[in-house]
């Protein structure tokens, strides 16, 4: 089996700069070997941000930015899933000459060499992905609390037995494009999402899990370490302890999934600082962003002190016969 040599990302103007950080981090940790081709699918016309992405230095590798019509553009943002993210469903058709591709979300940070992942043998599977420990842990937590939420999604929307299923995260996908094309997966998955936009909480991810159930190879959990789950979510205590311990000890791809992203602020968390260090090496625009956030962090407590002082001053009783 020949190793995969192509990486794909799907973006819009909202995460084009973040995609550059993902690509730069992959290259920074890449071992010697054949050059890779990075395919960036932008769901809209060229823009200033996409043009900057085109100029990203990746030599000796190749970078191709493709401007495509996004059939999902009419779908509103839902639970931080953007229409651009749904383009991953169409990769088989968007890359008609490729048999395999590694798809990465634009909020991924590589901290290890991805060549072993690219060389993974899918055997008879159609895709390779990491189990979504967050969802499985949520179900375990709900069994304890008795407050169903994700349980209803798995049972009613997906039609699965909550005690007997495996659900994967779609932020990192090793895809057999040749098989997906033969099965018209892009057309079927896309129509499923368009026909039921409010039934599926995680839209394209739900479609992938539904249509490829039983044919997804479970990858080493370190290939998709979801940072929010490890560092912020109490639900992690209900997760697969061995897998999450492995992710915490030696992550290979850090995934900043969820609504809270590193670029939204300066969180005092190790992996968020790690993302910022990579971003600051990628573009001076990230330096400006970091400085603005840093200044805002410094100004906030000072402004609060000033407001509190003013309130105390206004609350002081005046000596008799005087006015303010």
Protein backbone atom coordinates (compact mmCIF):
# COMPACT_ATOMS: atom_id res chain seq x y z
CA UNK A 1 0.00 0.00 0.00
CA UNK A 2 1.33 3.41 -1.02
CA UNK A 3 1.36 6.06 1.72
CA UNK A 4 -0.99 9.00 1.38
CA UNK A 5 0.80 12.19 0.31
CA UNK A 6 -2.10 14.68 0.31
CA UNK A 7 -3.64 16.72 3.11
CA UNK A 8 -6.93 18.62 2.75
CA UNK A 9 -8.49 21.44 4.75
CA UNK A 10 -11.84 23.20 4.20
CA UNK A 11 -12.02 26.85 5.16
CA UNK A 12 -13.74 30.19 4.77
CA UNK A 13 -12.51 33.68 5.63
CA UNK A 14 -13.24 32.99 9.29
CA UNK A 15 -10.50 30.37 9.65
CA UNK A 16 -8.15 30.85 6.69
CA UNK A 17 -5.41 32.26 8.93
CA UNK A 18 -5.86 29.41 11.39
CA UNK A 19 -5.43 26.90 8.55
CA UNK A 20 -2.01 28.44 7.89
CA UNK A 21 -1.03 27.64 11.49
CA UNK A 22 -2.20 24.04 11.04
CA UNK A 23 -0.17 23.60 7.86
CA UNK A 24 2.94 25.25 9.31
CA UNK A 25 2.79 23.00 12.37
CA UNK A 26 2.50 19.88 10.19
CA UNK A 27 5.56 20.90 8.18
CA UNK A 28 7.54 21.86 11.29
CA UNK A 29 7.27 18.30 12.67
CA UNK A 30 7.45 16.39 9.39
CA UNK A 31 10.25 13.84 8.98
CA UNK A 32 12.19 13.34 5.74
CA UNK A 33 10.21 11.78 2.93
CA UNK A 34 8.18 12.55 -0.19
CA UNK A 35 6.82 16.06 -0.54
CA UNK A 36 3.21 16.56 0.50
CA UNK A 37 0.47 18.44 -1.30
CA UNK A 38 -1.85 20.58 0.80
CA UNK A 39 -5.27 21.12 -0.78
CA UNK A 40 -7.22 24.03 0.70
CA UNK A 41 -10.88 24.30 -0.28
CA UNK A 42 -12.27 27.78 0.20
CA UNK A 43 -16.05 27.95 0.07
CA UNK A 44 -16.28 31.37 -1.54
CA UNK A 45 -14.59 33.82 -3.91
CA UNK A 46 -10.95 34.88 -3.44
CA UNK A 47 -10.41 37.34 -0.62
CA UNK A 48 -7.57 39.12 1.11
CA UNK A 49 -7.31 36.35 3.69
CA UNK A 50 -7.37 33.53 1.16
CA UNK A 51 -4.73 35.31 -0.92
CA UNK A 52 -2.47 35.41 2.12
CA UNK A 53 -3.01 31.68 2.47
CA UNK A 54 -1.94 31.20 -1.15
CA UNK A 55 1.37 32.90 -0.38
CA UNK A 56 2.19 30.62 2.55
CA UNK A 57 5.74 29.26 2.19
CA UNK A 58 5.62 25.45 2.22
CA UNK A 59 8.60 24.47 0.03
CA UNK A 60 9.53 21.73 -0.85
CA UNK A 61 5.86 20.83 -0.43
CA UNK A 62 3.01 22.12 -2.57
CA UNK A 63 -0.04 24.15 -1.62
CA UNK A 64 -3.12 24.48 -3.81
CA UNK A 65 -6.01 26.76 -2.87
CA UNK A 66 -9.24 25.78 -4.61
CA UNK A 67 -12.20 28.16 -4.73
CA UNK A 68 -15.35 26.06 -4.87
CA UNK A 69 -19.10 26.54 -4.80
CA UNK A 70 -20.36 25.56 -1.36
CA UNK A 71 -23.75 23.87 -1.65
CA UNK A 72 -24.13 24.22 2.13
CA UNK A 73 -23.72 27.99 2.24
CA UNK A 74 -27.43 28.51 3.01
CA UNK A 75 -27.14 26.54 6.25
CA UNK A 76 -26.76 28.87 9.20
CA UNK A 77 -24.04 28.41 11.79
CA UNK A 78 -25.23 25.67 14.13
CA UNK A 79 -23.33 24.71 17.30
CA UNK A 80 -20.14 26.29 15.83
CA UNK A 81 -20.32 24.01 12.75
CA UNK A 82 -19.79 26.32 9.75
CA UNK A 83 -20.95 25.67 6.17
CA UNK A 84 -17.28 25.50 5.14
CA UNK A 85 -16.72 22.49 7.42
CA UNK A 86 -19.35 20.55 5.51
CA UNK A 87 -17.20 20.65 2.38
CA UNK A 88 -15.30 17.67 3.81
CA UNK A 89 -18.25 15.52 2.74
CA UNK A 90 -17.45 16.33 -0.89
CA UNK A 91 -13.70 15.58 -0.86
CA UNK A 92 -14.10 12.50 -3.06
CA UNK A 93 -15.61 14.65 -5.80
CA UNK A 94 -13.40 17.68 -5.17
CA UNK A 95 -10.26 15.53 -5.55
CA UNK A 96 -11.25 13.22 -8.44
CA UNK A 97 -7.71 12.04 -9.21
CA UNK A 98 -6.74 11.06 -5.66
CA UNK A 99 -7.35 7.70 -4.02
CA UNK A 100 -6.58 8.80 -0.45
CA UNK A 101 -6.36 12.02 1.52
CA UNK A 102 -5.85 13.07 5.12
CA UNK A 103 -8.41 15.67 6.15
CA UNK A 104 -7.61 18.08 9.01
CA UNK A 105 -9.77 20.72 10.64
CA UNK A 106 -8.30 24.23 10.67
CA UNK A 107 -8.22 24.19 14.48
CA UNK A 108 -5.70 21.33 14.55
CA UNK A 109 -2.13 21.82 15.76
CA UNK A 110 0.40 19.13 14.87
CA UNK A 111 2.91 18.42 17.63
CA UNK A 112 4.32 15.21 16.11
CA UNK A 113 5.26 13.77 12.72
CA UNK A 114 2.15 12.80 10.71
CA UNK A 115 3.94 10.43 8.31
CA UNK A 116 2.95 7.35 10.38
CA UNK A 117 -0.66 8.47 10.10
CA UNK A 118 -0.32 8.98 6.35
CA UNK A 119 1.07 5.44 6.04
CA UNK A 120 -1.79 3.81 7.99
CA UNK A 121 -3.31 0.83 6.22
CA UNK A 122 -7.11 1.17 6.24
CA UNK A 123 -7.41 -2.54 5.38
CA UNK A 124 -11.09 -2.92 4.41
CA UNK A 125 -12.25 0.30 6.10
CA UNK A 126 -13.39 3.37 4.15
CA UNK A 127 -12.07 5.88 6.68
CA UNK A 128 -9.81 6.14 9.69
CA UNK A 129 -10.75 8.34 12.66
CA UNK A 130 -10.50 8.67 16.42
CA UNK A 131 -13.38 7.80 18.71
CA UNK A 132 -15.18 10.86 20.09
CA UNK A 133 -14.57 10.31 23.80
CA UNK A 134 -16.50 13.46 24.63
CA UNK A 135 -19.79 12.07 23.37
CA UNK A 136 -19.30 8.66 24.94
CA UNK A 137 -18.37 10.28 28.26
CA UNK A 138 -21.44 12.53 28.05
CA UNK A 139 -23.67 9.47 27.82
CA UNK A 140 -21.95 7.89 30.82
CA UNK A 141 -22.44 11.11 32.78
CA UNK A 142 -26.10 11.34 31.82
CA UNK A 143 -26.63 7.78 33.03
CA UNK A 144 -25.47 8.99 36.46
CA UNK A 145 -27.30 12.33 36.54
CA UNK A 146 -30.49 11.12 34.86
CA UNK A 147 -30.62 14.26 32.67
CA UNK A 148 -30.75 13.09 29.02
CA UNK A 149 -29.38 15.31 26.27
CA UNK A 150 -26.83 13.50 24.14
CA UNK A 151 -28.78 10.33 24.85
CA UNK A 152 -31.73 11.74 22.92
CA UNK A 153 -29.47 12.68 20.02
CA UNK A 154 -27.91 9.22 19.74
CA UNK A 155 -31.19 7.35 20.23
CA UNK A 156 -33.66 9.54 18.34
CA UNK A 157 -31.67 11.49 15.73
CA UNK A 158 -29.15 8.78 14.87
CA UNK A 159 -31.37 5.81 15.68
CA UNK A 160 -28.71 3.91 17.59
CA UNK A 161 -28.67 1.88 20.76
CA UNK A 162 -26.89 4.19 23.26
CA UNK A 163 -25.29 1.15 24.90
CA UNK A 164 -23.88 -0.32 21.69
CA UNK A 165 -22.34 2.10 19.21
CA UNK A 166 -19.06 3.80 18.30
CA UNK A 167 -19.00 7.45 17.27
CA UNK A 168 -15.91 9.16 15.82
CA UNK A 169 -14.83 12.77 15.60
CA UNK A 170 -14.48 14.14 12.06
CA UNK A 171 -11.71 16.67 12.76
CA UNK A 172 -9.08 14.16 11.59
CA UNK A 173 -10.07 11.76 8.82
CA UNK A 174 -7.98 9.42 6.69
CA UNK A 175 -10.26 8.82 3.70
CA UNK A 176 -10.42 6.21 0.96
CA UNK A 177 -11.62 8.61 -1.73
CA UNK A 178 -11.84 5.99 -4.46
CA UNK A 179 -14.40 3.98 -2.50
CA UNK A 180 -16.31 7.09 -1.44
CA UNK A 181 -16.66 8.11 -5.08
CA UNK A 182 -17.87 4.68 -6.14
CA UNK A 183 -20.53 4.77 -3.44
CA UNK A 184 -21.56 8.37 -4.24
CA UNK A 185 -20.91 9.21 -0.61
CA UNK A 186 -20.59 12.95 -1.18
CA UNK A 187 -23.96 13.19 -2.87
CA UNK A 188 -25.73 11.00 -0.30
CA UNK A 189 -24.17 12.60 2.77
CA UNK A 190 -24.69 16.12 1.47
CA UNK A 191 -28.34 15.48 0.71
CA UNK A 192 -28.86 13.91 4.13
CA UNK A 193 -27.61 17.08 5.84
CA UNK A 194 -29.54 19.42 3.52
CA UNK A 195 -32.78 17.46 4.01
CA UNK A 196 -32.46 17.34 7.82
CA UNK A 197 -30.46 20.43 8.91
CA UNK A 198 -31.94 20.51 12.42
CA UNK A 199 -32.09 16.81 13.08
CA UNK A 200 -28.32 16.35 13.26
CA UNK A 201 -26.54 18.29 15.98
CA UNK A 202 -23.10 17.84 14.41
CA UNK A 203 -24.30 17.78 10.80
CA UNK A 204 -21.48 16.43 8.62
CA UNK A 205 -19.97 14.47 11.51
CA UNK A 206 -23.32 12.78 12.12
CA UNK A 207 -23.65 12.00 8.41
CA UNK A 208 -20.18 10.43 8.32
CA UNK A 209 -20.92 8.27 11.35
CA UNK A 210 -24.30 7.19 10.00
CA UNK A 211 -23.31 6.34 6.45
CA UNK A 212 -19.93 4.77 7.26
CA UNK A 213 -20.97 2.91 10.41
CA UNK A 214 -19.00 -0.31 10.82
CA UNK A 215 -16.44 0.67 8.18
CA UNK A 216 -14.34 3.20 10.11
CA UNK A 217 -10.93 2.12 11.38
CA UNK A 218 -10.34 3.44 14.91
CA UNK A 219 -7.02 5.28 14.96
CA UNK A 220 -4.67 5.72 17.90
CA UNK A 221 -6.42 8.32 20.13
CA UNK A 222 -3.34 10.54 20.09
CA UNK A 223 -4.15 11.45 16.46
CA UNK A 224 -7.08 13.56 17.64
CA UNK A 225 -6.58 14.92 21.14
CA UNK A 226 -9.50 17.25 21.89
CA UNK A 227 -8.08 19.89 24.19
CA UNK A 228 -11.36 21.16 25.67
CA UNK A 229 -12.21 17.66 26.80
CA UNK A 230 -8.88 17.05 28.51
CA UNK A 231 -8.43 20.41 30.21
CA UNK A 232 -11.80 21.95 30.89
CA UNK A 233 -14.61 19.46 30.94
CA UNK A 234 -15.52 17.59 34.17
CA UNK A 235 -17.15 14.98 31.92
CA UNK A 236 -13.71 13.55 31.20
CA UNK A 237 -13.98 11.55 34.46
CA UNK A 238 -16.58 9.38 32.70
CA UNK A 239 -14.34 8.76 29.67
CA UNK A 240 -12.03 5.95 28.61
CA UNK A 241 -9.34 6.48 31.26
CA UNK A 242 -6.57 4.65 29.38
CA UNK A 243 -7.16 6.50 26.11
CA UNK A 244 -7.44 9.96 27.65
CA UNK A 245 -4.36 9.35 29.81
CA UNK A 246 -2.47 8.51 26.62
CA UNK A 247 -3.73 11.69 24.96
CA UNK A 248 -2.74 13.79 27.95
CA UNK A 249 0.73 12.25 28.22
CA UNK A 250 1.73 12.23 24.54
CA UNK A 251 -0.64 14.03 22.12
CA UNK A 252 0.22 13.96 18.40
CA UNK A 253 -2.48 16.19 16.94
CA UNK A 254 -4.09 18.75 19.25
CA UNK A 255 -7.67 19.55 18.28
CA UNK A 256 -9.15 22.79 19.62
CA UNK A 257 -12.70 21.64 18.98
CA UNK A 258 -15.70 23.39 20.47
CA UNK A 259 -16.68 27.03 20.55
CA UNK A 260 -13.74 28.29 22.65
CA UNK A 261 -10.63 28.71 20.48
CA UNK A 262 -7.10 29.81 21.40
CA UNK A 263 -7.34 32.89 19.16
CA UNK A 264 -10.36 34.17 21.10
CA UNK A 265 -8.22 35.03 24.11
CA UNK A 266 -5.07 34.31 26.09
CA UNK A 267 -6.01 31.33 28.27
CA UNK A 268 -3.47 30.23 30.85
CA UNK A 269 -3.55 26.63 29.63
CA UNK A 270 -0.50 24.75 28.36
CA UNK A 271 -1.91 23.64 25.00
CA UNK A 272 -3.44 27.05 24.28
CA UNK A 273 -0.03 28.65 24.88
CA UNK A 274 1.44 26.01 22.58
CA UNK A 275 -0.95 27.07 19.81
CA UNK A 276 0.00 30.71 20.25
CA UNK A 277 3.71 29.94 20.04
CA UNK A 278 3.11 28.22 16.70
CA UNK A 279 0.86 31.03 15.45
CA UNK A 280 3.37 33.75 16.34
CA UNK A 281 5.95 32.02 14.12
CA UNK A 282 3.50 31.83 11.23
CA UNK A 283 2.55 35.45 10.55
CA UNK A 284 3.14 38.95 11.96
CA UNK A 285 -0.65 39.35 11.94
CA UNK A 286 -0.82 36.87 14.82
CA UNK A 287 1.75 38.99 16.66
CA UNK A 288 -0.57 41.98 16.36
CA UNK A 289 -3.51 39.90 17.50
CA UNK A 290 -1.55 38.64 20.52
CA UNK A 291 -0.50 42.20 21.45
CA UNK A 292 -4.10 43.43 21.29
CA UNK A 293 -5.31 40.59 23.49
CA UNK A 294 -2.43 41.16 25.90
CA UNK A 295 -3.21 44.86 26.11
CA UNK A 296 -6.90 44.13 26.68
CA UNK A 297 -5.98 41.70 29.48
CA UNK A 298 -3.85 44.36 31.17
CA UNK A 299 -6.43 47.10 30.74
CA UNK A 300 -9.37 45.08 32.08
CA UNK A 301 -8.32 44.99 35.77
CA UNK A 302 -7.14 48.63 35.62
CA UNK A 303 -10.48 49.73 34.16
CA UNK A 304 -12.27 47.72 36.83
CA UNK A 305 -10.24 49.41 39.56
CA UNK A 306 -11.06 52.85 38.14
CA UNK A 307 -14.78 52.03 38.01
CA UNK A 308 -14.79 50.75 41.58
CA UNK A 309 -12.91 53.85 42.81
CA UNK A 310 -15.39 56.13 41.07
CA UNK A 311 -18.33 54.29 42.62
CA UNK A 312 -16.82 54.57 46.10
CA UNK A 313 -16.09 58.25 45.58
CA UNK A 314 -19.64 58.93 44.43
CA UNK A 315 -21.05 56.99 47.39
CA UNK A 316 -19.18 59.07 50.00
CA UNK A 317 -21.46 61.41 51.94
CA UNK A 318 -20.85 65.10 51.21
CA UNK A 319 -20.07 67.57 53.96
CA UNK A 320 -23.13 69.65 54.78
CA UNK A 321 -23.55 72.69 52.58
CA UNK A 322 -21.45 71.35 49.64
CA UNK A 323 -22.40 70.01 46.24
CA UNK A 324 -20.73 67.91 43.56
